[in-house]
C-alpha atoms as a PDB file:
ATOM      1  CA  UNK A   1     105.046 167.555 104.536  1.00  0.00           C
ATOM      2  CA  UNK A   2     104.124 165.525 107.644  1.00  0.00           C
ATOM      3  CA  UNK A   3     105.492 166.889 110.853  1.00  0.00           C
ATOM      4  CA  UNK A   4     108.800 165.154 111.623  1.00  0.00           C
ATOM      5  CA  UNK A   5     108.823 162.883 114.633  1.00  0.00           C
ATOM      6  CA  UNK A   6     111.912 162.201 116.663  1.00  0.00           C
ATOM      7  CA  UNK A   7     112.919 158.561 116.922  1.00  0.00           C
ATOM      8  CA  UNK A   8     112.273 156.921 120.292  1.00  0.00           C
ATOM      9  CA  UNK A   9     115.624 156.343 121.961  1.00  0.00           C
ATOM     10  CA  UNK A  10     114.295 153.950 124.587  1.00  0.00           C
ATOM     11  CA  UNK A  11     115.847 150.616 125.557  1.00  0.00           C
ATOM     12  CA  UNK A  12     114.153 148.779 122.693  1.00  0.00           C
ATOM     13  CA  UNK A  13     116.027 150.577 119.923  1.00  0.00           C
ATOM     14  CA  UNK A  14     118.929 148.797 118.248  1.00  0.00           C
ATOM     15  CA  UNK A  15     122.301 150.231 117.259  1.00  0.00           C
ATOM     16  CA  UNK A  16     122.273 148.210 114.030  1.00  0.00           C
ATOM     17  CA  UNK A  17     119.074 149.948 112.980  1.00  0.00           C
ATOM     18  CA  UNK A  18     120.711 153.298 113.716  1.00  0.00           C
ATOM     19  CA  UNK A  19     123.616 152.242 111.498  1.00  0.00           C
ATOM     20  CA  UNK A  20     121.271 151.047 108.742  1.00  0.00           C
ATOM     21  CA  UNK A  21     119.546 154.420 108.622  1.00  0.00           C
ATOM     22  CA  UNK A  22     122.822 156.368 108.653  1.00  0.00           C
ATOM     23  CA  UNK A  23     124.122 154.271 105.749  1.00  0.00           C
ATOM     24  CA  UNK A  24     120.954 154.825 103.723  1.00  0.00           C
ATOM     25  CA  UNK A  25     120.726 157.504 101.031  1.00  0.00           C
ATOM     26  CA  UNK A  26     120.031 161.053 102.289  1.00  0.00           C
ATOM     27  CA  UNK A  27     116.484 161.043 100.872  1.00  0.00           C
ATOM     28  CA  UNK A  28     115.700 157.818 102.757  1.00  0.00           C
ATOM     29  CA  UNK A  29     116.850 158.843 106.231  1.00  0.00           C
ATOM     30  CA  UNK A  30     113.936 161.159 107.164  1.00  0.00           C
ATOM     31  CA  UNK A  31     111.491 158.566 105.828  1.00  0.00           C
ATOM     32  CA  UNK A  32     112.966 155.735 107.871  1.00  0.00           C
ATOM     33  CA  UNK A  33     113.256 157.884 110.995  1.00  0.00           C
ATOM     34  CA  UNK A  34     109.630 158.960 110.662  1.00  0.00           C
ATOM     35  CA  UNK A  35     108.321 155.428 110.217  1.00  0.00           C
ATOM     36  CA  UNK A  36     110.477 154.186 113.075  1.00  0.00           C
ATOM     37  CA  UNK A  37     109.173 156.909 115.387  1.00  0.00           C
ATOM     38  CA  UNK A  38     105.562 156.098 114.539  1.00  0.00           C
ATOM     39  CA  UNK A  39     106.066 152.416 115.289  1.00  0.00           C
ATOM     40  CA  UNK A  40     107.568 153.219 118.696  1.00  0.00           C
ATOM     41  CA  UNK A  41     104.810 155.737 119.376  1.00  0.00           C
ATOM     42  CA  UNK A  42     102.111 153.117 118.849  1.00  0.00           C
ATOM     43  CA  UNK A  43     104.018 150.200 120.360  1.00  0.00           C
ATOM     44  CA  UNK A  44     106.591 151.313 122.987  1.00  0.00           C
ATOM     45  CA  UNK A  45     107.476 147.678 123.736  1.00  0.00           C
ATOM     46  CA  UNK A  46     108.407 146.873 120.151  1.00  0.00           C
ATOM     47  CA  UNK A  47     111.798 145.231 119.674  1.00  0.00           C
ATOM     48  CA  UNK A  48     114.059 146.263 116.805  1.00  0.00           C
ATOM     49  CA  UNK A  49     116.095 143.714 114.895  1.00  0.00           C
ATOM     50  CA  UNK A  50     117.971 143.424 111.624  1.00  0.00           C
ATOM     51  CA  UNK A  51     116.690 140.445 109.651  1.00  0.00           C
ATOM     52  CA  UNK A  52     117.521 139.627 106.039  1.00  0.00           C
ATOM     53  CA  UNK A  53     119.537 142.817 105.950  1.00  0.00           C
ATOM     54  CA  UNK A  54     116.735 145.256 106.845  1.00  0.00           C
ATOM     55  CA  UNK A  55     115.092 146.634 110.028  1.00  0.00           C
ATOM     56  CA  UNK A  56     112.235 144.654 111.554  1.00  0.00           C
ATOM     57  CA  UNK A  57     109.937 145.514 114.419  1.00  0.00           C
ATOM     58  CA  UNK A  58     108.987 142.491 116.554  1.00  0.00           C
ATOM     59  CA  UNK A  59     106.369 142.502 119.273  1.00  0.00           C
ATOM     60  CA  UNK A  60     105.571 139.772 121.762  1.00  0.00           C
ATOM     61  CA  UNK A  61     107.921 137.369 120.060  1.00  0.00           C
ATOM     62  CA  UNK A  62     106.405 137.777 116.611  1.00  0.00           C
ATOM     63  CA  UNK A  63     107.303 139.941 113.611  1.00  0.00           C
ATOM     64  CA  UNK A  64     104.992 142.924 113.255  1.00  0.00           C
ATOM     65  CA  UNK A  65     106.346 145.213 110.511  1.00  0.00           C
ATOM     66  CA  UNK A  66     109.513 146.142 108.662  1.00  0.00           C
ATOM     67  CA  UNK A  67     111.112 148.870 106.579  1.00  0.00           C
ATOM     68  CA  UNK A  68     113.812 149.026 103.940  1.00  0.00           C
ATOM     69  CA  UNK A  69     115.731 151.561 101.859  1.00  0.00           C
ATOM     70  CA  UNK A  70     116.763 151.098  98.238  1.00  0.00           C
ATOM     71  CA  UNK A  71     118.583 153.277  95.723  1.00  0.00           C
ATOM     72  CA  UNK A  72     115.611 155.450  94.830  1.00  0.00           C
ATOM     73  CA  UNK A  73     112.795 154.517  97.206  1.00  0.00           C
ATOM     74  CA  UNK A  74     111.878 153.103 100.602  1.00  0.00           C
ATOM     75  CA  UNK A  75     109.384 150.408 101.535  1.00  0.00           C
ATOM     76  CA  UNK A  76     107.318 149.612 104.626  1.00  0.00           C
ATOM     77  CA  UNK A  77     105.265 146.512 105.204  1.00  0.00           C
ATOM     78  CA  UNK A  78     103.247 144.497 107.702  1.00  0.00           C
ATOM     79  CA  UNK A  79     103.928 140.804 108.226  1.00  0.00           C
ATOM     80  CA  UNK A  80     100.261 140.033 108.808  1.00  0.00           C
ATOM     81  CA  UNK A  81      98.833 142.441 106.258  1.00  0.00           C
ATOM     82  CA  UNK A  82      96.653 139.675 104.810  1.00  0.00           C
ATOM     83  CA  UNK A  83      94.951 139.344 108.189  1.00  0.00           C
ATOM     84  CA  UNK A  84      94.484 143.067 108.755  1.00  0.00           C
ATOM     85  CA  UNK A  85      91.637 143.272 106.196  1.00  0.00           C
ATOM     86  CA  UNK A  86      92.672 146.737 105.086  1.00  0.00           C
ATOM     87  CA  UNK A  87      91.669 147.328 101.476  1.00  0.00           C
ATOM     88  CA  UNK A  88      93.556 150.626 101.375  1.00  0.00           C
ATOM     89  CA  UNK A  89      96.897 148.860 101.930  1.00  0.00           C
ATOM     90  CA  UNK A  90      98.702 148.366  98.616  1.00  0.00           C
ATOM     91  CA  UNK A  91      99.322 144.685  97.872  1.00  0.00           C
ATOM     92  CA  UNK A  92     102.886 143.704  97.050  1.00  0.00           C
ATOM     93  CA  UNK A  93     103.087 143.359  93.302  1.00  0.00           C
ATOM     94  CA  UNK A  94     105.288 143.830  90.272  1.00  0.00           C
ATOM     95  CA  UNK A  95     104.205 147.451  89.996  1.00  0.00           C
ATOM     96  CA  UNK A  96     104.682 148.477  93.623  1.00  0.00           C
ATOM     97  CA  UNK A  97     107.604 146.263  94.592  1.00  0.00           C
ATOM     98  CA  UNK A  98     107.997 145.372  98.249  1.00  0.00           C
ATOM     99  CA  UNK A  99     105.871 146.708 101.044  1.00  0.00           C
ATOM    100  CA  UNK A 100     102.302 147.853 101.465  1.00  0.00           C
ATOM    101  CA  UNK A 101     102.732 151.606 101.019  1.00  0.00           C
ATOM    102  CA  UNK A 102     104.097 151.536  97.486  1.00  0.00           C
ATOM    103  CA  UNK A 103     107.402 153.150  96.540  1.00  0.00           C
ATOM    104  CA  UNK A 104     108.228 155.883  99.041  1.00  0.00           C
ATOM    105  CA  UNK A 105     110.629 158.519  97.720  1.00  0.00           C
ATOM    106  CA  UNK A 106     109.824 161.352 100.126  1.00  0.00           C
ATOM    107  CA  UNK A 107     107.777 162.086 103.231  1.00  0.00           C
ATOM    108  CA  UNK A 108     105.026 163.390 100.959  1.00  0.00           C
ATOM    109  CA  UNK A 109     104.562 159.859  99.594  1.00  0.00           C
ATOM    110  CA  UNK A 110     103.542 158.558 103.009  1.00  0.00           C
ATOM    111  CA  UNK A 111      99.912 158.282 104.098  1.00  0.00           C
ATOM    112  CA  UNK A 112      98.877 160.587 106.935  1.00  0.00           C
ATOM    113  CA  UNK A 113     100.264 159.912 110.387  1.00  0.00           C
ATOM    114  CA  UNK A 114      96.731 159.174 111.536  1.00  0.00           C
ATOM    115  CA  UNK A 115      96.351 156.463 108.916  1.00  0.00           C
ATOM    116  CA  UNK A 116      99.764 154.965 109.622  1.00  0.00           C
ATOM    117  CA  UNK A 117      99.096 154.932 113.349  1.00  0.00           C
ATOM    118  CA  UNK A 118      95.797 153.119 112.769  1.00  0.00           C
ATOM    119  CA  UNK A 119      97.474 150.454 110.648  1.00  0.00           C
ATOM    120  CA  UNK A 120     100.344 149.949 113.095  1.00  0.00           C
ATOM    121  CA  UNK A 121      97.841 149.686 115.958  1.00  0.00           C
ATOM    122  CA  UNK A 122      95.940 147.010 114.034  1.00  0.00           C
ATOM    123  CA  UNK A 123      99.132 145.064 113.447  1.00  0.00           C
ATOM    124  CA  UNK A 124      99.892 145.361 117.154  1.00  0.00           C
ATOM    125  CA  UNK A 125      96.446 144.001 118.046  1.00  0.00           C
ATOM    126  CA  UNK A 126      97.085 140.865 115.961  1.00  0.00           C
ATOM    127  CA  UNK A 127     100.291 140.223 117.902  1.00  0.00           C
ATOM    128  CA  UNK A 128      98.543 140.976 121.184  1.00  0.00           C
ATOM    129  CA  UNK A 129      95.968 138.329 120.313  1.00  0.00           C
ATOM    130  CA  UNK A 130      98.665 135.833 119.360  1.00  0.00           C
ATOM    131  CA  UNK A 131      97.251 135.452 115.842  1.00  0.00           C
ATOM    132  CA  UNK A 132      99.617 133.797 113.386  1.00  0.00           C
ATOM    133  CA  UNK A 133      99.667 133.492 109.605  1.00  0.00           C
ATOM    134  CA  UNK A 134      98.097 130.151 108.645  1.00  0.00           C
ATOM    135  CA  UNK A 135     100.592 127.714 107.193  1.00  0.00           C
ATOM    136  CA  UNK A 136     100.042 126.182 103.795  1.00  0.00           C
ATOM    137  CA  UNK A 137      98.072 122.988 103.601  1.00  0.00           C
ATOM    138  CA  UNK A 138     100.216 120.093 104.857  1.00  0.00           C
ATOM    139  CA  UNK A 139      99.879 118.351 101.482  1.00  0.00           C
ATOM    140  CA  UNK A 140     101.729 121.263  99.916  1.00  0.00           C
ATOM    141  CA  UNK A 141     104.616 120.970 102.339  1.00  0.00           C
ATOM    142  CA  UNK A 142     106.599 118.764  99.995  1.00  0.00           C
ATOM    143  CA  UNK A 143     110.346 118.303  99.858  1.00  0.00           C
ATOM    144  CA  UNK A 144     112.190 121.487  98.899  1.00  0.00           C
ATOM    145  CA  UNK A 145     113.243 121.788  95.303  1.00  0.00           C
ATOM    146  CA  UNK A 146     116.881 121.174  94.474  1.00  0.00           C
ATOM    147  CA  UNK A 147     118.407 124.418  93.224  1.00  0.00           C
ATOM    148  CA  UNK A 148     121.071 124.605  90.506  1.00  0.00           C
ATOM    149  CA  UNK A 149     124.433 125.205  92.171  1.00  0.00           C
ATOM    150  CA  UNK A 150     125.195 128.468  90.376  1.00  0.00           C
ATOM    151  CA  UNK A 151     121.725 129.871  91.110  1.00  0.00           C
ATOM    152  CA  UNK A 152     121.867 128.748  94.743  1.00  0.00           C
ATOM    153  CA  UNK A 153     125.285 130.386  95.195  1.00  0.00           C
ATOM    154  CA  UNK A 154     124.114 133.757  93.898  1.00  0.00           C
ATOM    155  CA  UNK A 155     120.832 133.548  95.812  1.00  0.00           C
ATOM    156  CA  UNK A 156     122.671 132.936  99.081  1.00  0.00           C
ATOM    157  CA  UNK A 157     124.635 136.163  98.545  1.00  0.00           C
ATOM    158  CA  UNK A 158     121.444 138.227  98.523  1.00  0.00           C
ATOM    159  CA  UNK A 159     119.630 137.819 101.836  1.00  0.00           C
ATOM    160  CA  UNK A 160     116.568 139.699 100.680  1.00  0.00           C
ATOM    161  CA  UNK A 161     116.203 137.609  97.529  1.00  0.00           C
ATOM    162  CA  UNK A 162     116.721 134.431  99.535  1.00  0.00           C
ATOM    163  CA  UNK A 163     113.994 135.467 101.960  1.00  0.00           C
ATOM    164  CA  UNK A 164     111.474 136.078  99.192  1.00  0.00           C
ATOM    165  CA  UNK A 165     112.423 132.940  97.268  1.00  0.00           C
ATOM    166  CA  UNK A 166     111.830 130.861 100.383  1.00  0.00           C
ATOM    167  CA  UNK A 167     108.396 132.447 100.747  1.00  0.00           C
ATOM    168  CA  UNK A 168     107.422 131.638  97.157  1.00  0.00           C
ATOM    169  CA  UNK A 169     105.231 128.630  96.497  1.00  0.00           C
ATOM    170  CA  UNK A 170     106.885 125.535  95.103  1.00  0.00           C
ATOM    171  CA  UNK A 171     105.369 126.309  91.699  1.00  0.00           C
ATOM    172  CA  UNK A 172     106.769 129.864  91.709  1.00  0.00           C
ATOM    173  CA  UNK A 173     110.227 128.558  92.664  1.00  0.00           C
ATOM    174  CA  UNK A 174     110.102 125.953  89.905  1.00  0.00           C
ATOM    175  CA  UNK A 175     109.283 128.617  87.299  1.00  0.00           C
ATOM    176  CA  UNK A 176     112.604 130.336  88.032  1.00  0.00           C
ATOM    177  CA  UNK A 177     114.538 127.048  88.072  1.00  0.00           C
ATOM    178  CA  UNK A 178     113.061 125.883  84.761  1.00  0.00           C
ATOM    179  CA  UNK A 179     113.779 129.281  83.179  1.00  0.00           C
ATOM    180  CA  UNK A 180     117.404 129.172  84.264  1.00  0.00           C
ATOM    181  CA  UNK A 181     117.887 125.535  83.279  1.00  0.00           C
ATOM    182  CA  UNK A 182     116.338 126.289  79.894  1.00  0.00           C
ATOM    183  CA  UNK A 183     119.207 128.592  78.893  1.00  0.00           C
ATOM    184  CA  UNK A 184     121.274 126.995  76.105  1.00  0.00           C
ATOM    185  CA  UNK A 185     124.313 129.259  76.420  1.00  0.00           C
ATOM    186  CA  UNK A 186     126.455 129.993  79.483  1.00  0.00           C
ATOM    187  CA  UNK A 187     126.147 133.743  78.895  1.00  0.00           C
ATOM    188  CA  UNK A 188     122.349 133.493  78.717  1.00  0.00           C
ATOM    189  CA  UNK A 189     122.241 131.403  81.878  1.00  0.00           C
ATOM    190  CA  UNK A 190     124.375 133.906  83.783  1.00  0.00           C
ATOM    191  CA  UNK A 191     122.185 136.800  82.630  1.00  0.00           C
ATOM    192  CA  UNK A 192     119.023 134.962  83.658  1.00  0.00           C
ATOM    193  CA  UNK A 193     120.423 134.235  87.102  1.00  0.00           C
ATOM    194  CA  UNK A 194     121.452 137.876  87.631  1.00  0.00           C
ATOM    195  CA  UNK A 195     118.114 139.198  86.373  1.00  0.00           C
ATOM    196  CA  UNK A 196     116.224 136.610  88.395  1.00  0.00           C
ATOM    197  CA  UNK A 197     117.997 137.619  91.613  1.00  0.00           C
ATOM    198  CA  UNK A 198     117.072 141.267  90.983  1.00  0.00           C
ATOM    199  CA  UNK A 199     113.398 140.371  90.443  1.00  0.00           C
ATOM    200  CA  UNK A 200     113.219 138.028  93.421  1.00  0.00           C
ATOM    201  CA  UNK A 201     114.766 140.667  95.732  1.00  0.00           C
ATOM    202  CA  UNK A 202     111.747 142.845  94.899  1.00  0.00           C
ATOM    203  CA  UNK A 203     109.316 140.010  95.610  1.00  0.00           C
ATOM    204  CA  UNK A 204     108.591 139.437  91.929  1.00  0.00           C
ATOM    205  CA  UNK A 205     107.669 136.059  90.511  1.00  0.00           C
ATOM    206  CA  UNK A 206     109.084 134.809  87.209  1.00  0.00           C
ATOM    207  CA  UNK A 207     106.272 136.105  85.008  1.00  0.00           C
ATOM    208  CA  UNK A 208     105.575 139.273  86.970  1.00  0.00           C
ATOM    209  CA  UNK A 209     105.257 141.340  83.774  1.00  0.00           C
ATOM    210  CA  UNK A 210     102.030 139.571  82.940  1.00  0.00           C
ATOM    211  CA  UNK A 211     100.398 139.790  86.361  1.00  0.00           C
ATOM    212  CA  UNK A 212      97.562 142.201  87.118  1.00  0.00           C
ATOM    213  CA  UNK A 213      96.952 142.956  83.441  1.00  0.00           C
END
């Protein structure tokens, strides 16, 4: 088991992040505390915030990384992972769920501290350099799709799902809308909305079962 690190209690820590960790499941608390401590170790000037219901670590006015706890696992991810050019980072997918470290159920599931420190340092360097994630081609920035009222209402209740849905491409959003609208019975429609919200909250697209096969 990696040696436990005490969380930095400097001025940049946030009481809401403390509360988030305390409310997390017992298995998740040492994982979140360890990741938090490593981030502060590498980047003492990092700023903690709660966004979309989970802890984020911002640096120089830009998001750098985040962490989250679920019922049976934790996740940790980098906002600019695509620009870090790290092949050993796990891409977010249907199999791994959110984050770039896979599903973390214990401290033993984490990469070595040395590896984590190297990745966090690389993410810090991108923020130091002011590098941003390129926006989609302007031609793709079309008018937002109109969501069905019942789907929109349920989506707005789940901040994490809403965040991911907003990040999906227009085509990926439309796949969910068409699937929901295609239900012929009210019961089927309600089930599809509930199932869709669960999938979206894990960053999964409509046909995630058939990806990476």
